C-alpha atoms as a PDB file:
ATOM      1  CA  MET A   1      -0.794 144.397 156.387  1.00  0.00           C
ATOM      2  CA  SER A   2       0.842 146.044 153.354  1.00  0.00           C
ATOM      3  CA  ALA A   3       2.995 149.219 153.790  1.00  0.00           C
ATOM      4  CA  TRP A   4       1.775 150.345 150.342  1.00  0.00           C
ATOM      5  CA  GLU A   5      -0.673 153.101 149.740  1.00  0.00           C
ATOM      6  CA  VAL A   6      -2.064 154.875 146.803  1.00  0.00           C
ATOM      7  CA  ARG A   7      -1.398 158.599 146.553  1.00  0.00           C
ATOM      8  CA  LEU A   8      -1.928 161.320 143.943  1.00  0.00           C
ATOM      9  CA  SER A   9       0.982 162.956 142.053  1.00  0.00           C
ATOM     10  CA  THR A  10       0.613 166.625 142.418  1.00  0.00           C
ATOM     11  CA  SER A  11       2.902 167.136 139.254  1.00  0.00           C
ATOM     12  CA  ARG A  12       1.171 164.688 137.033  1.00  0.00           C
ATOM     13  CA  GLY A  13      -2.301 164.432 138.504  1.00  0.00           C
ATOM     14  CA  VAL A  14      -2.304 160.638 138.465  1.00  0.00           C
ATOM     15  CA  PRO A  15      -2.165 158.088 141.175  1.00  0.00           C
ATOM     16  CA  TYR A  16       1.076 156.295 142.248  1.00  0.00           C
ATOM     17  CA  PHE A  17       2.054 153.586 144.877  1.00  0.00           C
ATOM     18  CA  TYR A  18       4.066 154.536 147.806  1.00  0.00           C
ATOM     19  CA  ASN A  19       5.511 152.310 150.512  1.00  0.00           C
ATOM     20  CA  THR A  20       5.393 153.925 153.842  1.00  0.00           C
ATOM     21  CA  GLU A  21       8.262 151.778 155.253  1.00  0.00           C
ATOM     22  CA  THR A  22      10.786 151.904 152.523  1.00  0.00           C
ATOM     23  CA  ARG A  23       9.598 155.273 151.040  1.00  0.00           C
ATOM     24  CA  GLU A  24       9.728 153.639 147.608  1.00  0.00           C
ATOM     25  CA  SER A  25       7.339 155.028 145.081  1.00  0.00           C
ATOM     26  CA  MET A  26       6.244 153.599 141.653  1.00  0.00           C
ATOM     27  CA  TRP A  27       3.750 154.311 138.948  1.00  0.00           C
ATOM     28  CA  GLU A  28       2.857 150.582 138.448  1.00  0.00           C
ATOM     29  CA  ALA A  29       1.149 148.483 141.129  1.00  0.00           C
ATOM     30  CA  PRO A  30       3.590 146.415 143.139  1.00  0.00           C
ATOM     31  CA  PRO A  31       3.908 143.144 141.390  1.00  0.00           C
ATOM     32  CA  ASP A  32       3.497 141.039 144.484  1.00  0.00           C
ATOM     33  CA  LEU A  33      -0.080 142.512 145.128  1.00  0.00           C
ATOM     34  CA  THR A  34      -3.292 140.970 143.627  1.00  0.00           C
ATOM     35  CA  GLN A  35      -6.112 143.177 142.255  1.00  0.00           C
ATOM     36  CA  GLU A  36      -8.040 142.712 145.503  1.00  0.00           C
ATOM     37  CA  GLN A  37      -5.130 143.711 147.732  1.00  0.00           C
ATOM     38  CA  ILE A  38      -4.565 146.764 145.512  1.00  0.00           C
ATOM     39  CA  ALA A  39      -8.314 147.825 145.914  1.00  0.00           C
ATOM     40  CA  ALA A  40      -8.029 147.473 149.652  1.00  0.00           C
ATOM     41  CA  LEU A  41      -4.814 149.867 149.880  1.00  0.00           C
ATOM     42  CA  PRO A  42      -5.352 153.096 151.738  1.00  0.00           C
ATOM     43  CA  GLY A  43      -6.252 155.551 149.060  1.00  0.00           C
ATOM     44  CA  ALA A  44      -7.283 153.133 146.422  1.00  0.00           C
ATOM     45  CA  ARG A  45     -10.981 153.877 146.881  1.00  0.00           C
ATOM     46  CA  HIS A  46     -10.269 157.591 146.388  1.00  0.00           C
ATOM     47  CA  TYR A  47      -7.681 157.621 143.562  1.00  0.00           C
ATOM     48  CA  LEU A  48      -8.310 154.367 141.885  1.00  0.00           C
ATOM     49  CA  PRO A  49     -12.171 154.375 141.500  1.00  0.00           C
ATOM     50  CA  GLY A  50     -12.112 151.962 138.605  1.00  0.00           C
ATOM     51  CA  ALA A  51     -10.452 149.374 140.836  1.00  0.00           C
ATOM     52  CA  HIS A  52     -13.850 148.909 142.643  1.00  0.00           C
ATOM     53  CA  GLY A  53     -15.892 148.566 139.381  1.00  0.00           C
ATOM     54  CA  SER A  54     -19.031 150.599 139.106  1.00  0.00           C
ATOM     55  CA  ALA A  55     -21.667 148.592 141.087  1.00  0.00           C
ATOM     56  CA  ASN A  56     -23.386 151.884 142.042  1.00  0.00           C
ATOM     57  CA  GLY A  57     -23.569 152.900 138.382  1.00  0.00           C
ATOM     58  CA  GLU A  58     -21.079 155.620 138.639  1.00  0.00           C
ATOM     59  CA  ARG A  59     -18.700 156.126 136.070  1.00  0.00           C
ATOM     60  CA  PRO A  60     -15.064 156.135 137.468  1.00  0.00           C
ATOM     61  CA  ALA A  61     -13.151 159.502 137.059  1.00  0.00           C
ATOM     62  CA  GLN A  62     -10.436 157.625 135.244  1.00  0.00           C
ATOM     63  CA  VAL A  63      -9.441 154.165 133.998  1.00  0.00           C
ATOM     64  CA  ARG A  64      -6.247 152.302 133.245  1.00  0.00           C
ATOM     65  CA  ALA A  65      -6.149 150.077 130.127  1.00  0.00           C
ATOM     66  CA  SER A  66      -3.578 148.167 127.982  1.00  0.00           C
ATOM     67  CA  HIS A  67      -4.376 147.319 124.321  1.00  0.00           C
ATOM     68  CA  LEU A  68      -3.205 145.430 121.383  1.00  0.00           C
ATOM     69  CA  LEU A  69      -3.625 147.548 118.140  1.00  0.00           C
ATOM     70  CA  VAL A  70      -3.512 146.227 114.702  1.00  0.00           C
ATOM     71  CA  LYS A  71      -3.457 148.796 111.988  1.00  0.00           C
ATOM     72  CA  HIS A  72      -4.721 148.356 108.537  1.00  0.00           C
ATOM     73  CA  ARG A  73      -4.477 150.255 105.222  1.00  0.00           C
ATOM     74  CA  GLY A  74      -7.481 152.313 106.113  1.00  0.00           C
ATOM     75  CA  SER A  75      -6.049 153.432 109.574  1.00  0.00           C
ATOM     76  CA  ARG A  76      -5.450 157.148 110.311  1.00  0.00           C
ATOM     77  CA  ARG A  77      -1.572 156.572 110.086  1.00  0.00           C
ATOM     78  CA  PRO A  78      -0.998 153.124 108.262  1.00  0.00           C
ATOM     79  CA  SER A  79       2.617 152.635 109.698  1.00  0.00           C
ATOM     80  CA  SER A  80       4.120 151.543 112.804  1.00  0.00           C
ATOM     81  CA  TRP A  81       7.411 150.738 114.591  1.00  0.00           C
ATOM     82  CA  LYS A  82       7.483 147.367 112.941  1.00  0.00           C
ATOM     83  CA  GLU A  83       6.043 148.040 109.539  1.00  0.00           C
ATOM     84  CA  GLN A  84       6.731 151.184 107.361  1.00  0.00           C
ATOM     85  CA  ASN A  85       3.753 150.712 104.975  1.00  0.00           C
ATOM     86  CA  ILE A  86       0.805 148.778 106.333  1.00  0.00           C
ATOM     87  CA  THR A  87      -1.108 147.221 103.480  1.00  0.00           C
ATOM     88  CA  ARG A  88      -3.460 144.661 105.101  1.00  0.00           C
ATOM     89  CA  SER A  89      -7.260 145.067 104.919  1.00  0.00           C
ATOM     90  CA  LYS A  90      -9.439 145.910 107.898  1.00  0.00           C
ATOM     91  CA  GLU A  91     -10.859 142.369 107.669  1.00  0.00           C
ATOM     92  CA  GLU A  92      -7.378 140.805 107.764  1.00  0.00           C
ATOM     93  CA  ALA A  93      -6.553 143.082 110.799  1.00  0.00           C
ATOM     94  CA  ILE A  94      -9.687 141.869 112.592  1.00  0.00           C
ATOM     95  CA  ALA A  95      -8.864 138.222 111.874  1.00  0.00           C
ATOM     96  CA  MET A  96      -5.402 138.741 113.345  1.00  0.00           C
ATOM     97  CA  LEU A  97      -7.027 140.205 116.529  1.00  0.00           C
ATOM     98  CA  ARG A  98      -9.309 137.230 116.845  1.00  0.00           C
ATOM     99  CA  GLU A  99      -6.340 134.927 116.598  1.00  0.00           C
ATOM    100  CA  TYR A 100      -4.577 136.748 119.286  1.00  0.00           C
ATOM    101  CA  ALA A 101      -7.629 136.881 121.473  1.00  0.00           C
ATOM    102  CA  ALA A 102      -7.844 133.139 121.242  1.00  0.00           C
ATOM    103  CA  GLN A 103      -4.246 132.743 122.360  1.00  0.00           C
ATOM    104  CA  ILE A 104      -4.738 135.186 125.274  1.00  0.00           C
ATOM    105  CA  ASN A 105      -7.891 133.373 126.446  1.00  0.00           C
ATOM    106  CA  GLY A 106      -8.442 135.943 129.285  1.00  0.00           C
ATOM    107  CA  ASP A 107      -4.831 135.806 130.493  1.00  0.00           C
ATOM    108  CA  PRO A 108      -3.373 139.406 131.298  1.00  0.00           C
ATOM    109  CA  GLU A 109       0.200 137.934 131.232  1.00  0.00           C
ATOM    110  CA  LYS A 110      -0.308 136.577 127.843  1.00  0.00           C
ATOM    111  CA  PHE A 111      -2.000 139.878 126.707  1.00  0.00           C
ATOM    112  CA  ALA A 112       1.110 141.798 127.637  1.00  0.00           C
ATOM    113  CA  GLU A 113       3.297 139.328 125.827  1.00  0.00           C
ATOM    114  CA  LEU A 114       1.345 139.424 122.648  1.00  0.00           C
ATOM    115  CA  ALA A 115       0.968 143.325 122.833  1.00  0.00           C
ATOM    116  CA  SER A 116       4.713 143.456 123.254  1.00  0.00           C
ATOM    117  CA  LYS A 117       5.360 141.393 120.129  1.00  0.00           C
ATOM    118  CA  TYR A 118       2.423 142.390 117.812  1.00  0.00           C
ATOM    119  CA  SER A 119       0.856 145.690 118.756  1.00  0.00           C
ATOM    120  CA  ASP A 120       1.309 148.369 116.140  1.00  0.00           C
ATOM    121  CA  CYS A 121       1.245 150.983 118.994  1.00  0.00           C
ATOM    122  CA  SER A 122       4.336 152.389 120.697  1.00  0.00           C
ATOM    123  CA  SER A 123       2.876 151.187 123.888  1.00  0.00           C
ATOM    124  CA  HIS A 124       4.069 147.634 122.778  1.00  0.00           C
ATOM    125  CA  SER A 125       7.354 148.384 124.767  1.00  0.00           C
ATOM    126  CA  HIS A 126       5.219 148.595 127.919  1.00  0.00           C
ATOM    127  CA  GLY A 127       3.205 145.414 127.220  1.00  0.00           C
ATOM    128  CA  GLY A 128       0.398 147.609 125.710  1.00  0.00           C
ATOM    129  CA  ASP A 129      -0.071 149.634 128.903  1.00  0.00           C
ATOM    130  CA  LEU A 130      -1.587 153.149 128.218  1.00  0.00           C
ATOM    131  CA  GLY A 131      -1.547 154.142 131.750  1.00  0.00           C
ATOM    132  CA  PHE A 132      -4.509 156.059 133.340  1.00  0.00           C
ATOM    133  CA  PHE A 133      -6.837 158.211 131.358  1.00  0.00           C
ATOM    134  CA  LYS A 134      -9.954 160.304 131.770  1.00  0.00           C
ATOM    135  CA  PRO A 135     -12.997 160.918 129.558  1.00  0.00           C
ATOM    136  CA  GLY A 136     -12.104 162.821 126.404  1.00  0.00           C
ATOM    137  CA  GLN A 137      -8.487 161.627 126.265  1.00  0.00           C
ATOM    138  CA  MET A 138      -8.899 158.683 123.930  1.00  0.00           C
ATOM    139  CA  GLN A 139     -11.158 158.311 120.737  1.00  0.00           C
ATOM    140  CA  ARG A 140     -14.684 157.733 121.688  1.00  0.00           C
ATOM    141  CA  PRO A 141     -15.124 154.141 120.716  1.00  0.00           C
ATOM    142  CA  PHE A 142     -12.054 153.084 122.700  1.00  0.00           C
ATOM    143  CA  GLU A 143     -13.164 155.191 125.692  1.00  0.00           C
ATOM    144  CA  GLU A 144     -16.602 153.797 125.730  1.00  0.00           C
ATOM    145  CA  ALA A 145     -15.386 150.129 125.314  1.00  0.00           C
ATOM    146  CA  THR A 146     -12.703 150.716 128.205  1.00  0.00           C
ATOM    147  CA  TYR A 147     -15.256 152.166 130.605  1.00  0.00           C
ATOM    148  CA  ALA A 148     -17.852 149.483 129.826  1.00  0.00           C
ATOM    149  CA  LEU A 149     -15.210 146.811 130.852  1.00  0.00           C
ATOM    150  CA  LYS A 150     -14.729 145.616 134.478  1.00  0.00           C
ATOM    151  CA  VAL A 151     -11.146 145.592 135.851  1.00  0.00           C
ATOM    152  CA  GLY A 152      -9.416 142.477 134.334  1.00  0.00           C
ATOM    153  CA  GLU A 153     -11.929 142.101 131.477  1.00  0.00           C
ATOM    154  CA  ILE A 154     -10.805 142.140 127.760  1.00  0.00           C
ATOM    155  CA  SER A 155     -12.793 143.553 125.054  1.00  0.00           C
ATOM    156  CA  ASP A 156     -13.881 142.048 121.784  1.00  0.00           C
ATOM    157  CA  VAL A 157     -12.686 143.868 118.667  1.00  0.00           C
ATOM    158  CA  VAL A 158     -12.901 147.707 119.017  1.00  0.00           C
ATOM    159  CA  ASP A 159     -12.636 149.653 115.766  1.00  0.00           C
ATOM    160  CA  THR A 160     -11.344 153.328 115.945  1.00  0.00           C
ATOM    161  CA  ASP A 161      -9.587 155.600 113.390  1.00  0.00           C
ATOM    162  CA  SER A 162      -6.277 154.192 114.546  1.00  0.00           C
ATOM    163  CA  GLY A 163      -7.042 150.633 113.760  1.00  0.00           C
ATOM    164  CA  VAL A 164      -8.694 147.782 115.504  1.00  0.00           C
ATOM    165  CA  HIS A 165      -7.965 146.955 119.210  1.00  0.00           C
ATOM    166  CA  LEU A 166      -8.246 144.468 122.006  1.00  0.00           C
ATOM    167  CA  ILE A 167      -8.511 146.322 125.251  1.00  0.00           C
ATOM    168  CA  LEU A 168      -7.644 144.963 128.775  1.00  0.00           C
ATOM    169  CA  ARG A 169      -8.915 147.181 131.497  1.00  0.00           C
ATOM    170  CA  THR A 170      -6.396 147.169 134.317  1.00  0.00           C
ATOM    171  CA  ALA A 171      -7.824 149.713 136.886  1.00  0.00           C
END
C-alpha cells in the first residue's frame, strides 16, 4: 500500500501529493505511480475529481492538462520564446500539429518531449504542463476541449485566439 495521499494546499487551493512516511510533498504525481494508483490514493476522489472521469455525467471541479501550442500570424500575440516574429499561416500551423500528433501517437511521454521542443508556450519548459485549472480560467474552446477529454486522451486540433493546440488531459 502506498504512503502517498492527495491533499489540498490551503495557500494555493490546488491538490498536492504528500507521503505520510517521509513527509515529502510535491505538486506533481509521484513518478512511480500509475494513473490507476493515483486515482486510488486517499483524497484523490475528493481533490482530483477528473482522475475518475465523468461516468456519472458530472463535470469535474478542475482538470489538469498539458498542451502543445503552435502560433501563427493571426494569433493574439504572434511571437514566442523561440521565434520573435511568427509569420506562418494558420493552415501551416495546423499541418505542423498534425505532424506532431502522428509522432506522438497517443504516447504521453512523446507528447511532453515534443511540447518541450516545439510548443510556442512558456509551458514548454514543463513539457507543456499547465497544471490544474477550473472553468473560466482558460479560453472557452480550450476549456471545453479539455473537459471533454478523458484522463490520458489527446485532443484533435483545438483553435483559440492564442493559436492551435494539441491537448493532453492528465487529471
